[in-house]
Each structure stands twice: as structure tokens, then as C-alpha cells.
Amino acid sequence: MKLLFAASEAAPFAKSGGLGDVAGSLPAELARQGCDIHVVLPLYEKIGPQWRERMTFLKHFEVPLSWRRAYCGVFQLEMEGVTYWFLDNEYYFKRADLYGYYDDGERFAYFSRAILELPGQLGWSPDVIHCNDWQTALVPVYLLQCRESVPGLGGVKTVFTIHNIEYQGRFGPDILEDTFGLSRRYFHDRLLAYYGDVNLMKGAIYASDFVTTVSPTYAKQLRYAFYAHGLEGVIADNAYKMRGILNGIDLTRYDPETDLGLTANYSAKDLSGKAECKTALQKLTGLNPAPETPVVACVSRLVPHKGFDLVLAVLQELMGLDIQFVVLGTGDWKYQEAFRRLEGQYPGRAAARLFYSAELSDAIYAGADLFLMPSVSEPCGLSQIIAMRYGTLPIVRETGGLKDTVAPYNRVENTGTGFTFSNINAHDMLWVVREAVELYHTEPEAWQGLVERAMAQRYDWRRSAGAYIEIYQQITE
């Protein structure tokens, strides 16, 4: 099976969120399971010299985009059985950030069109092109236009994965012909037209041979307007070719027994090293050295759909519990300001680190006792999986991948891997936090059992990659 995996970001080269984690891990597992896989990415400015030095220049060619003929250089790097192709165009990609520019529509239309030129230019034709989110959503749409005219595309099938349906690639209708180079016949209800605008994600859902999203529960929730952000009708139309496949993590990268970035290593049977990591976290964040006090942590973008309105609604009541609280992340001003004030109000008990740091996030996963993730909507989520891997028990709302990965604690049956609540209600969340804190203080054996079960969960990519391969085989049979 020959696969071309198209993504706008991938760890460790360039990453802004969950898509980067998936594109950085899934292809390697697909390669281990026998696929001939190439990953195609933009050559962003922030891709550092440690990677550029390992790249080989292959060739350059011109990409047709409406009336433009844009330069495209191709660089290759091989790692973990995967061949990476980086597409170079400094006009579009030599910028400080990955996204957030006025011409993002044109930038990723260029990227999508360039992807379809690769098979003919490089003499390698895939069986399937796997596209991800709106930035590559034009690939299956362009394929309708140029399948017969561009070499190497005749039998190619497409899979489109929705990582977050909130970000759909919606633009005004004037962009269709002049920027995207598509005629008006592509602007209709069963392709790109959406309330008078162009919607790239909608077009990809209709044009692709199969559609996936990143957890079974999220796939079900997308049938409803609350979660689908206006595309519930599109999801219903295409339900026959849609499936939710749970994301995974790299169990080698996230392993408390071998992680060299930790203050001390530990296992479920010997948590003494985790106690050392907790002490180190408290020192690192300015919290009081209190080994007997549970540390509740958040590592997240500070935005409404992550549930931070719930946290703010009961912030003082949370701090009325015997806890320490640490938050790491950036986002909306109101959340940043609330956590900044909280740190000033509770010195030594609250810490707000309003930036992103991979090193500090690792210290939090290893050193905290509880991981708070009260998302209103969460397609999959990896933080709760990583937290469990490090023996930090998640407190989550039962939505999307959070419901699929965290089993609620049952005191009677002594089962579960974390703590959950179902309603979008701040006091329901507070109740569960209180339950977790009480268990920590009063039932150490039950707590230990929860930690052991959480750390035993194996949400790796093996099973998920197998599910993707089944889909690839199904659409190419």
C-alpha cells in the first residue's frame, strides 16, 4: 500500500496542536505495519537547521494555481521508515507562524495543488492520499478537476480526516476562481457552497472517498448541531463513508520509566520517583513544598471550548479545597488575566505560566496528581492520555475522545482510570474535583489502584493504524 500523507504540520518539524502530534506519530506506525508512506509538509521558516541539514534537494517545478505559476522546491528527509517531502516556497511559507495570515486560503490552495503535482514530478504514484483538516481539504476537490490531466493521479483515492470541525476553511465566494482556480461548477450545495461562502472542509467531506475523525464518540457527536458547527447536515449526508478512529500517543516517547527529561523515573509499582517529580514541579512553579497536598494541573490552550468558563465560575471554591493549582498555556485574555490574579491571590498555592513550554508540560504531567480537562468539546485529546501514562489522574467531561479514553472511578466496584462528569456545569465539575481530592486524602490504597490502572492503559498507534489500513484497503480494493 502506497500512501501520501498530506498535513500542514507534523512533529517534530513544526507543530501547533493535535494535528502535529498525529502527523508526527501515525505515519511511522503505518510504515511499521508495511505501508510505503510519504508525508508531505510545507517547508516553514521555523523548521530548524537540525532538520534542514538532513534534507536532500530533489528538484523544483511550477505549480499552476489559477493564473499563477508558482515555484515549488522539493526537499526530502527520511526518518523512522517514513519519507518526508518538504515543499519550499518562501513567498508562502517563510513566515514567523504557521497560520493566521490574510492569505491563508491562497497559501494552502497552493500547497494542495502542489501535492497533486508530486506523483508526476517524482515518479511515485500513491494508492491513497490521506488529507487532514481544512489546510489540505482542497486536495480531493482539485483531484476531481485534474485526475485525468495530471500524471500519476488516475487511480488515486482520498481519505479526509477531521481533527477539529470548528476550523473549516470558510472564505468569501470571490476566492473560488481567482485564487483557487476552480470554476463556478464546483460551487454547489454538494461540494463547496455554504451559505453563500466557500467551505473547504465541506468540499473535502463530499469529494473524498472516505472520511474519518479522531474518536468514535466525536464521530457520533458530529451528527448534532452543537458539535458540528453548521455541518451536521453534511455529516448526515456522508455518514455512510465516515468512521471515528481514536488517536494514540508514542508510548516510547511518553514513558515515565525511561523519560530522560524527568527529575526521576518511576513506574506504577514504585512511585517514589513521581514524588520527586512533584517536589521538583512545586519548586519550578513557586508552589509551597507540600508533598501531602494534591497538585491539580491544566495544560491547554485557554479558550472557551476547553471548558475554562466552568473553571472560572468556581475558581474560588476550587481554591477552598486542600489543593495546589497550576496552569500552563496561552489563549483568551480573560482566562489569562483570571489565572494571573489567582496566582497573586494565592501565592504558593496557585501558579499561572501563561506561555507554552514543552519542558514544563512534561514536568506537569509527571509531577501533578490530578489533570483537569473539562472540555465543552474535545475531538480526541491527547493530554488526558499522556497524563494517565504518567500516573496523573484525569478529571474530564464526558465528551469526544475524553469519554472514549477515561473510565470513571467507581467506588463500589473499585474500577476506573480517572474522574468524569457529563453535564456542562461548573458545580458538577467541582463535585468531581472534590471527590478526587477526598479520595487522595482518605483512601490511599484506592488511589494507588486508580493510578496503576491509569498507567496500564495503552493508547498507542498500533490499533488505530490497523483501522486506517482497513479503510485504505476498502477504498482501493
Protein backbone atom coordinates (compact mmCIF):
# COMPACT_ATOMS: atom_id res chain seq x y z
CA MET A 1 0.00 0.00 0.00
CA LYS A 2 1.49 3.33 -1.13
CA LEU A 3 0.31 6.32 0.92
CA LEU A 4 0.83 10.05 0.60
CA PHE A 5 0.02 11.64 3.96
CA ALA A 6 -0.69 15.36 3.49
CA ALA A 7 -0.63 17.65 6.52
CA SER A 8 0.05 21.30 7.29
CA GLU A 9 2.16 20.39 10.34
CA ALA A 10 3.92 17.42 11.90
CA ALA A 11 6.05 16.94 14.98
CA PRO A 12 8.97 17.29 15.45
CA PHE A 13 9.37 19.63 12.48
CA ALA A 14 6.54 22.14 13.01
CA LYS A 15 3.58 21.81 15.35
CA SER A 16 0.80 23.96 16.76
CA GLY A 17 -1.66 21.38 18.05
CA GLY A 18 -3.05 17.86 17.92
CA LEU A 19 -2.73 17.54 14.15
CA GLY A 20 1.02 17.92 14.52
CA ASP A 21 1.12 15.09 17.05
CA VAL A 22 -0.92 12.79 14.81
CA ALA A 23 1.08 13.56 11.66
CA GLY A 24 4.26 13.03 13.64
CA SER A 25 3.31 9.60 15.02
CA LEU A 26 0.75 7.83 12.82
CA PRO A 27 2.91 7.63 9.64
CA ALA A 28 5.74 5.87 11.49
CA GLU A 29 3.32 3.21 12.76
CA LEU A 30 1.82 2.81 9.28
CA ALA A 31 5.36 2.25 7.99
CA ARG A 32 5.97 -0.37 10.68
CA GLN A 33 2.82 -2.15 9.52
CA GLY A 34 4.14 -2.42 5.96
CA CYS A 35 2.95 0.72 4.18
CA ASP A 36 5.16 2.61 1.75
CA ILE A 37 4.42 6.06 3.15
CA HIS A 38 5.48 9.57 2.23
CA VAL A 39 4.49 12.61 4.30
CA VAL A 40 4.26 15.99 2.55
CA LEU A 41 4.62 19.25 4.53
CA PRO A 42 5.29 22.93 3.84
CA LEU A 43 8.90 23.96 4.41
CA TYR A 44 8.14 26.57 7.06
CA GLU A 45 10.70 29.10 8.24
CA LYS A 46 10.57 27.68 11.77
CA ILE A 47 11.76 24.24 10.65
CA GLY A 48 15.20 24.43 12.18
CA PRO A 49 18.70 23.80 10.85
CA GLN A 50 18.96 20.47 12.65
CA TRP A 51 16.36 19.19 10.14
CA ARG A 52 17.39 21.23 7.10
CA GLU A 53 20.92 19.84 7.31
CA ARG A 54 19.50 16.33 6.87
CA MET A 55 17.39 17.22 3.83
CA THR A 56 18.27 16.44 0.22
CA PHE A 57 17.10 18.73 -2.58
CA LEU A 58 15.25 16.71 -5.24
CA LYS A 59 14.00 19.17 -7.85
CA HIS A 60 11.82 22.20 -8.48
CA PHE A 61 8.81 22.75 -10.69
CA GLU A 62 5.96 25.19 -11.25
CA VAL A 63 2.56 24.81 -9.60
CA PRO A 64 -0.45 26.02 -11.62
CA LEU A 65 -2.83 27.98 -9.39
CA SER A 66 -5.49 29.92 -11.30
CA TRP A 67 -3.49 32.44 -13.38
CA ARG A 68 -0.29 31.93 -11.33
CA ARG A 69 2.69 29.69 -11.97
CA ALA A 70 4.34 29.41 -8.57
CA TYR A 71 7.77 27.95 -7.76
CA CYS A 72 7.93 24.75 -5.73
CA GLY A 73 11.15 23.19 -4.49
CA VAL A 74 11.08 19.67 -3.06
CA PHE A 75 13.37 18.56 -0.23
CA GLN A 76 13.48 15.03 1.14
CA LEU A 77 14.29 13.62 4.57
CA GLU A 78 13.96 10.03 5.74
CA MET A 79 13.26 9.07 9.35
CA GLU A 80 11.76 6.00 11.10
CA GLY A 81 10.87 4.34 7.82
CA VAL A 82 8.98 7.39 6.57
CA THR A 83 9.99 9.61 3.64
CA TYR A 84 9.19 13.29 4.24
CA TRP A 85 8.80 15.73 1.37
CA PHE A 86 9.01 19.41 2.25
CA LEU A 87 7.60 21.87 -0.28
CA ASP A 88 9.54 25.10 -0.49
CA ASN A 89 8.09 28.45 -1.50
CA GLU A 90 9.39 31.38 0.54
CA TYR A 91 6.58 33.72 -0.50
CA TYR A 92 4.02 31.44 1.12
CA PHE A 93 5.94 29.73 3.93
CA LYS A 94 8.83 31.94 5.05
CA ARG A 95 6.81 33.45 7.88
CA ALA A 96 7.07 33.51 11.66
CA ASP A 97 3.95 31.41 12.30
CA LEU A 98 2.24 28.50 10.60
CA TYR A 99 -1.21 30.09 10.33
CA GLY A 100 -3.07 33.32 10.92
CA TYR A 101 -2.32 35.32 7.77
CA TYR A 102 -4.72 37.21 5.49
CA ASP A 103 -3.80 34.97 2.55
CA ASP A 104 -4.02 31.58 4.31
CA GLY A 105 -6.58 30.50 1.73
CA GLU A 106 -4.13 31.11 -1.11
CA ARG A 107 -1.19 29.63 0.82
CA PHE A 108 -2.88 26.30 1.39
CA ALA A 109 -4.56 26.23 -2.01
CA TYR A 110 -1.01 26.40 -3.41
CA PHE A 111 0.09 23.63 -1.02
CA SER A 112 -2.86 21.42 -2.01
CA ARG A 113 -2.31 21.93 -5.72
CA ALA A 114 1.42 21.25 -5.34
CA ILE A 115 0.67 17.97 -3.58
CA LEU A 116 -1.14 16.72 -6.67
CA GLU A 117 1.81 17.60 -8.89
CA LEU A 118 4.21 15.44 -6.86
CA PRO A 119 3.36 11.98 -8.30
CA GLY A 120 4.07 13.05 -11.87
CA GLN A 121 7.11 15.13 -10.93
CA LEU A 122 8.77 12.49 -8.74
CA GLY A 123 7.66 9.30 -10.48
CA TRP A 124 5.92 7.88 -7.43
CA SER A 125 2.17 7.38 -7.57
CA PRO A 126 0.25 6.67 -4.33
CA ASP A 127 -2.76 4.42 -3.92
CA VAL A 128 -4.25 6.81 -1.33
CA ILE A 129 -3.74 10.45 -0.43
CA HIS A 130 -4.66 10.98 3.23
CA CYS A 131 -5.60 14.63 3.84
CA ASN A 132 -6.02 16.38 7.17
CA ASP A 133 -8.16 19.37 8.17
CA TRP A 134 -9.06 22.37 6.04
CA GLN A 135 -5.47 23.19 5.03
CA THR A 136 -5.39 20.15 2.71
CA ALA A 137 -9.13 19.95 2.09
CA LEU A 138 -8.72 21.19 -1.49
CA VAL A 139 -6.71 18.09 -2.46
CA PRO A 140 -9.77 15.83 -3.04
CA VAL A 141 -11.59 18.74 -4.69
CA TYR A 142 -8.70 19.51 -7.05
CA LEU A 143 -8.49 15.78 -7.79
CA LEU A 144 -11.97 16.00 -9.33
CA GLN A 145 -10.59 18.63 -11.68
CA CYS A 146 -7.19 17.24 -12.64
CA ARG A 147 -7.30 13.47 -12.16
CA GLU A 148 -7.10 12.80 -15.90
CA SER A 149 -4.81 15.68 -16.86
CA VAL A 150 -2.02 15.35 -14.25
CA PRO A 151 0.27 12.30 -14.46
CA GLY A 152 0.13 9.73 -11.68
CA LEU A 153 -3.37 10.51 -10.40
CA GLY A 154 -5.55 8.13 -12.41
CA GLY A 155 -6.39 5.58 -9.73
CA VAL A 156 -5.69 7.63 -6.59
CA LYS A 157 -8.25 7.51 -3.75
CA THR A 158 -8.57 10.05 -0.94
CA VAL A 159 -9.22 9.91 2.80
CA PHE A 160 -10.01 13.10 4.71
CA THR A 161 -9.61 13.34 8.49
CA ILE A 162 -11.45 15.94 10.57
CA HIS A 163 -9.28 16.81 13.56
CA ASN A 164 -11.43 19.74 14.67
CA ILE A 165 -14.60 20.71 12.82
CA GLU A 166 -14.55 24.23 14.26
CA TYR A 167 -11.89 25.24 11.74
CA GLN A 168 -13.48 24.69 8.34
CA GLY A 169 -11.62 26.96 5.91
CA ARG A 170 -14.50 29.29 5.11
CA PHE A 171 -13.92 32.10 2.61
CA GLY A 172 -15.94 34.54 0.53
CA PRO A 173 -17.14 33.32 -2.89
CA ASP A 174 -14.82 35.64 -4.84
CA ILE A 175 -11.86 33.48 -3.85
CA LEU A 176 -13.11 30.49 -5.86
CA GLU A 177 -11.94 31.37 -9.38
CA ASP A 178 -9.23 33.99 -9.00
CA THR A 179 -7.39 32.37 -6.06
CA PHE A 180 -8.32 28.69 -6.12
CA GLY A 181 -8.61 28.39 -9.88
CA LEU A 182 -11.91 26.49 -9.70
CA SER A 183 -14.85 27.20 -11.98
CA ARG A 184 -18.32 28.05 -10.65
CA ARG A 185 -19.48 24.49 -11.33
CA TYR A 186 -17.71 23.48 -8.11
CA PHE A 187 -19.82 25.97 -6.16
CA HIS A 188 -22.95 24.00 -5.30
CA ASP A 189 -24.65 22.51 -2.25
CA ARG A 190 -22.97 19.12 -2.50
CA LEU A 191 -19.46 20.45 -2.72
CA LEU A 192 -18.08 23.89 -1.75
CA ALA A 193 -21.11 26.18 -1.41
CA TYR A 194 -22.03 27.06 2.17
CA TYR A 195 -24.50 29.91 2.88
CA GLY A 196 -23.01 31.94 0.03
CA ASP A 197 -19.41 31.24 1.04
CA VAL A 198 -16.79 28.67 0.06
CA ASN A 199 -16.30 25.99 2.73
CA LEU A 200 -13.23 23.83 2.10
CA MET A 201 -13.93 21.22 4.77
CA LYS A 202 -17.42 20.70 3.40
CA GLY A 203 -15.97 20.21 -0.08
CA ALA A 204 -13.48 17.63 1.18
CA ILE A 205 -16.15 15.66 3.03
CA TYR A 206 -18.18 15.32 -0.16
CA ALA A 207 -15.25 14.80 -2.54
CA SER A 208 -13.26 12.26 -0.50
CA ASP A 209 -13.68 8.51 -0.82
CA PHE A 210 -13.73 8.14 2.97
CA VAL A 211 -13.93 10.49 5.95
CA THR A 212 -12.56 9.85 9.42
CA THR A 213 -12.45 11.76 12.65
CA VAL A 214 -10.35 11.25 15.72
CA SER A 215 -12.58 9.35 18.16
CA PRO A 216 -15.73 7.21 17.95
CA THR A 217 -17.70 9.46 20.31
CA TYR A 218 -16.78 12.61 18.37
CA ALA A 219 -17.95 10.93 15.16
CA LYS A 220 -21.35 10.38 16.80
CA GLN A 221 -21.48 13.89 18.25
CA LEU A 222 -20.91 15.47 14.84
CA ARG A 223 -24.45 14.46 13.93
CA TYR A 224 -25.65 17.23 16.25
CA ALA A 225 -25.58 20.97 15.62
CA PHE A 226 -23.97 21.75 18.99
CA TYR A 227 -20.78 19.93 17.99
CA ALA A 228 -20.85 20.14 14.17
CA HIS A 229 -20.67 23.95 13.86
CA GLY A 230 -23.13 24.05 10.98
CA LEU A 231 -22.01 20.89 9.16
CA GLU A 232 -24.39 18.41 10.78
CA GLY A 233 -26.35 18.06 7.54
CA VAL A 234 -23.13 17.42 5.60
CA ILE A 235 -22.11 14.78 8.16
CA ALA A 236 -25.53 13.12 7.84
CA ASP A 237 -25.24 13.04 4.05
CA ASN A 238 -21.86 11.34 4.27
CA ALA A 239 -22.37 9.08 7.30
CA TYR A 240 -22.13 6.00 5.04
CA LYS A 241 -18.41 6.68 4.47
CA MET A 242 -17.43 8.05 7.88
CA ARG A 243 -15.75 6.46 10.90
CA GLY A 244 -14.22 7.61 14.19
CA ILE A 245 -10.74 6.24 14.93
CA LEU A 246 -9.15 7.08 18.26
CA ASN A 247 -5.82 8.88 18.23
CA GLY A 248 -2.86 7.45 20.11
CA ILE A 249 0.46 8.53 21.56
CA ASP A 250 4.03 7.36 21.19
CA LEU A 251 4.47 5.07 24.21
CA THR A 252 8.24 5.17 23.83
CA ARG A 253 8.34 8.97 23.93
CA TYR A 254 5.93 9.12 26.87
CA ASP A 255 7.32 6.55 29.30
CA PRO A 256 7.94 7.53 32.94
CA GLU A 257 10.37 4.64 33.36
CA THR A 258 12.74 5.86 30.64
CA ASP A 259 11.93 9.56 30.06
CA LEU A 260 15.28 11.33 30.41
CA GLY A 261 13.59 14.70 30.85
CA LEU A 262 12.17 13.81 34.26
CA THR A 263 13.74 14.60 37.61
CA ALA A 264 13.37 10.92 38.46
CA ASN A 265 11.99 7.89 36.68
CA TYR A 266 9.26 5.72 38.15
CA SER A 267 6.70 3.00 37.48
CA ALA A 268 3.23 2.08 38.69
CA LYS A 269 4.76 -0.31 41.24
CA ASP A 270 7.31 2.21 42.53
CA LEU A 271 6.03 5.78 42.59
CA SER A 272 8.86 7.21 44.67
CA GLY A 273 10.24 8.87 41.56
CA LYS A 274 6.88 10.56 40.95
CA ALA A 275 7.08 12.06 44.43
CA GLU A 276 10.45 13.52 43.46
CA CYS A 277 8.92 14.89 40.25
CA LYS A 278 6.16 16.51 42.32
CA THR A 279 8.70 18.22 44.57
CA ALA A 280 10.59 19.43 41.50
CA LEU A 281 7.37 20.78 39.93
CA GLN A 282 6.46 22.66 43.11
CA LYS A 283 9.92 24.22 43.21
CA LEU A 284 9.85 25.03 39.49
CA THR A 285 6.48 26.81 39.67
CA GLY A 286 6.90 28.50 43.04
CA LEU A 287 4.38 26.33 44.87
CA ASN A 288 4.88 25.52 48.53
CA PRO A 289 6.83 22.29 49.14
CA ALA A 290 3.87 20.24 50.36
CA PRO A 291 4.07 16.56 49.39
CA GLU A 292 0.79 15.79 51.15
CA THR A 293 -1.21 18.36 49.13
CA PRO A 294 -2.58 17.21 45.74
CA VAL A 295 -1.49 19.30 42.74
CA VAL A 296 -4.27 19.91 40.21
CA ALA A 297 -2.94 20.95 36.79
CA CYS A 298 -4.11 22.20 33.40
CA VAL A 299 -2.00 22.21 30.24
CA SER A 300 -4.13 23.67 27.47
CA ARG A 301 -4.98 26.46 25.13
CA LEU A 302 -7.05 28.87 27.21
CA VAL A 303 -10.16 29.07 25.03
CA PRO A 304 -13.89 28.59 25.70
CA HIS A 305 -14.33 25.13 24.13
CA LYS A 306 -11.68 23.79 26.53
CA GLY A 307 -14.13 24.42 29.38
CA PHE A 308 -12.38 27.30 31.12
CA ASP A 309 -15.64 29.17 31.71
CA LEU A 310 -16.52 26.29 34.05
CA VAL A 311 -13.20 26.67 35.85
CA LEU A 312 -13.58 30.44 36.25
CA ALA A 313 -17.14 30.04 37.58
CA VAL A 314 -15.93 28.05 40.61
CA LEU A 315 -12.33 29.18 40.88
CA GLN A 316 -12.63 30.42 44.47
CA GLU A 317 -14.48 27.28 45.54
CA LEU A 318 -11.76 25.16 43.94
CA MET A 319 -9.13 27.01 45.90
CA GLY A 320 -11.21 26.41 49.03
CA LEU A 321 -10.23 22.76 48.72
CA ASP A 322 -6.93 21.50 50.04
CA ILE A 323 -5.15 21.68 46.66
CA GLN A 324 -2.42 23.44 44.77
CA PHE A 325 -3.29 24.60 41.25
CA VAL A 326 -1.01 25.11 38.26
CA VAL A 327 -1.99 26.13 34.73
CA LEU A 328 0.22 26.23 31.63
CA GLY A 329 -0.92 27.73 28.34
CA THR A 330 -1.90 30.78 26.35
CA GLY A 331 -5.20 31.95 24.95
CA ASP A 332 -8.01 34.41 25.56
CA TRP A 333 -7.17 37.45 27.65
CA LYS A 334 -9.96 36.93 30.21
CA TYR A 335 -8.65 33.49 31.17
CA GLN A 336 -5.04 34.62 31.30
CA GLU A 337 -5.96 37.58 33.49
CA ALA A 338 -8.08 35.44 35.82
CA PHE A 339 -5.24 32.96 36.38
CA ARG A 340 -2.72 35.78 36.76
CA ARG A 341 -4.87 37.29 39.52
CA LEU A 342 -5.31 33.87 41.10
CA GLU A 343 -1.55 33.44 41.44
CA GLY A 344 -1.34 36.82 43.17
CA GLN A 345 -4.22 35.97 45.48
CA TYR A 346 -2.87 32.55 46.48
CA PRO A 347 0.94 32.77 46.49
CA GLY A 348 2.48 29.36 46.98
CA ARG A 349 -0.80 27.61 46.17
CA ALA A 350 -1.52 28.76 42.60
CA ALA A 351 0.83 29.13 39.65
CA ALA A 352 -0.01 30.57 36.25
CA ARG A 353 2.53 30.07 33.47
CA LEU A 354 0.95 31.88 30.54
CA PHE A 355 3.16 30.61 27.75
CA TYR A 356 3.93 27.25 26.17
CA SER A 357 6.88 25.15 27.24
CA ALA A 358 7.37 21.51 26.28
CA GLU A 359 9.77 21.04 29.20
CA LEU A 360 7.31 22.46 31.75
CA SER A 361 4.41 20.48 30.31
CA ASP A 362 6.42 17.29 30.78
CA ALA A 363 7.20 18.32 34.35
CA ILE A 364 3.49 18.88 34.98
CA TYR A 365 2.42 15.52 33.53
CA ALA A 366 4.94 13.78 35.77
CA GLY A 367 4.65 15.91 38.91
CA ALA A 368 0.94 16.68 39.24
CA ASP A 369 -1.58 14.40 40.95
CA LEU A 370 -4.71 15.40 39.03
CA PHE A 371 -5.13 16.72 35.48
CA LEU A 372 -8.19 18.92 34.90
CA MET A 373 -9.62 18.84 31.37
CA PRO A 374 -13.29 19.97 31.46
CA SER A 375 -13.71 20.47 27.71
CA VAL A 376 -17.04 21.51 26.25
CA SER A 377 -15.93 19.82 23.03
CA GLU A 378 -12.86 17.62 22.53
CA PRO A 379 -12.44 15.68 19.27
CA CYS A 380 -9.92 13.32 20.86
CA GLY A 381 -7.48 14.94 23.23
CA LEU A 382 -4.02 13.59 23.93
CA SER A 383 -3.31 15.36 27.22
CA GLN A 384 -5.52 13.04 29.25
CA ILE A 385 -3.80 10.01 27.67
CA ILE A 386 -0.35 11.41 28.44
CA ALA A 387 -1.42 12.28 31.99
CA MET A 388 -2.60 8.71 32.63
CA ARG A 389 0.65 7.37 31.22
CA TYR A 390 2.48 9.37 33.92
CA GLY A 391 0.11 8.39 36.74
CA THR A 392 -1.62 11.78 36.90
CA LEU A 393 -5.33 11.06 37.14
CA PRO A 394 -7.53 12.98 34.68
CA ILE A 395 -10.70 14.84 35.60
CA VAL A 396 -12.64 15.20 32.35
CA ARG A 397 -16.04 15.95 30.92
CA GLU A 398 -17.57 13.00 29.08
CA THR A 399 -17.24 14.29 25.52
CA GLY A 400 -15.44 13.14 22.39
CA GLY A 401 -12.22 11.26 22.96
CA LEU A 402 -12.29 12.07 26.67
CA LYS A 403 -15.26 9.75 27.06
CA ASP A 404 -13.56 7.08 24.96
CA THR A 405 -10.33 7.08 26.97
CA VAL A 406 -11.14 7.82 30.62
CA ALA A 407 -13.20 5.28 32.58
CA PRO A 408 -14.96 6.94 35.56
CA TYR A 409 -13.95 5.90 39.08
CA ASN A 410 -16.47 3.52 40.67
CA ARG A 411 -16.02 3.37 44.42
CA VAL A 412 -18.22 0.27 44.86
CA GLU A 413 -16.55 -1.84 42.18
CA ASN A 414 -13.12 -0.22 42.60
CA THR A 415 -12.76 0.38 38.86
CA GLY A 416 -11.91 3.28 36.60
CA THR A 417 -8.91 5.26 35.39
CA GLY A 418 -9.95 8.80 36.33
CA PHE A 419 -12.86 11.05 37.26
CA THR A 420 -15.61 12.21 34.91
CA PHE A 421 -18.75 14.35 34.75
CA SER A 422 -21.26 14.64 31.91
CA ASN A 423 -23.09 17.97 32.10
CA ILE A 424 -21.59 21.30 31.03
CA ASN A 425 -21.97 22.51 34.60
CA ALA A 426 -19.32 24.11 36.79
CA HIS A 427 -20.64 22.64 40.03
CA ASP A 428 -20.78 19.14 38.55
CA MET A 429 -17.10 19.61 37.77
CA LEU A 430 -16.44 20.95 41.27
CA TRP A 431 -18.19 17.94 42.81
CA VAL A 432 -15.92 15.54 40.93
CA VAL A 433 -12.78 17.51 41.85
CA ARG A 434 -13.88 17.36 45.48
CA GLU A 435 -14.44 13.60 45.17
CA ALA A 436 -10.94 13.15 43.73
CA VAL A 437 -9.29 15.25 46.43
CA GLU A 438 -11.15 13.37 49.16
CA LEU A 439 -10.03 10.04 47.72
CA TYR A 440 -6.43 11.26 47.60
CA HIS A 441 -6.50 12.19 51.29
CA THR A 442 -8.57 9.38 52.78
CA GLU A 443 -8.13 6.22 50.70
CA PRO A 444 -4.51 5.81 49.62
CA GLU A 445 -4.99 2.18 48.57
CA ALA A 446 -7.91 3.05 46.28
CA TRP A 447 -5.87 5.96 44.90
CA GLN A 448 -2.93 3.65 44.22
CA GLY A 449 -5.23 1.24 42.37
CA LEU A 450 -6.54 4.07 40.20
CA VAL A 451 -3.02 5.22 39.38
CA GLU A 452 -1.93 1.67 38.47
CA ARG A 453 -4.93 1.17 36.18
CA ALA A 454 -4.39 4.55 34.51
CA MET A 455 -0.72 3.85 33.88
CA ALA A 456 -1.57 0.43 32.42
CA GLN A 457 -3.67 1.94 29.60
CA ARG A 458 -2.01 1.50 26.19
CA TYR A 459 -3.44 4.06 23.81
CA ASP A 460 -0.71 3.66 21.21
CA TRP A 461 -0.99 3.88 17.41
CA ARG A 462 -0.89 0.16 16.64
CA ARG A 463 -4.63 -0.48 16.72
CA SER A 464 -5.51 2.87 15.16
CA ALA A 465 -3.05 2.40 12.29
CA GLY A 466 -4.59 -1.01 11.63
CA ALA A 467 -8.01 0.64 11.38
CA TYR A 468 -6.71 3.17 8.86
CA ILE A 469 -5.14 0.40 6.79
CA GLU A 470 -8.53 -1.37 6.70
CA ILE A 471 -10.04 1.81 5.26
CA TYR A 472 -7.27 2.21 2.69
CA GLN A 473 -7.79 -1.38 1.57
CA GLN A 474 -11.55 -0.97 1.46
CA ILE A 475 -11.49 2.04 -0.87
CA THR A 476 -8.77 0.65 -3.16
CA GLU A 477 -9.99 -2.95 -3.47
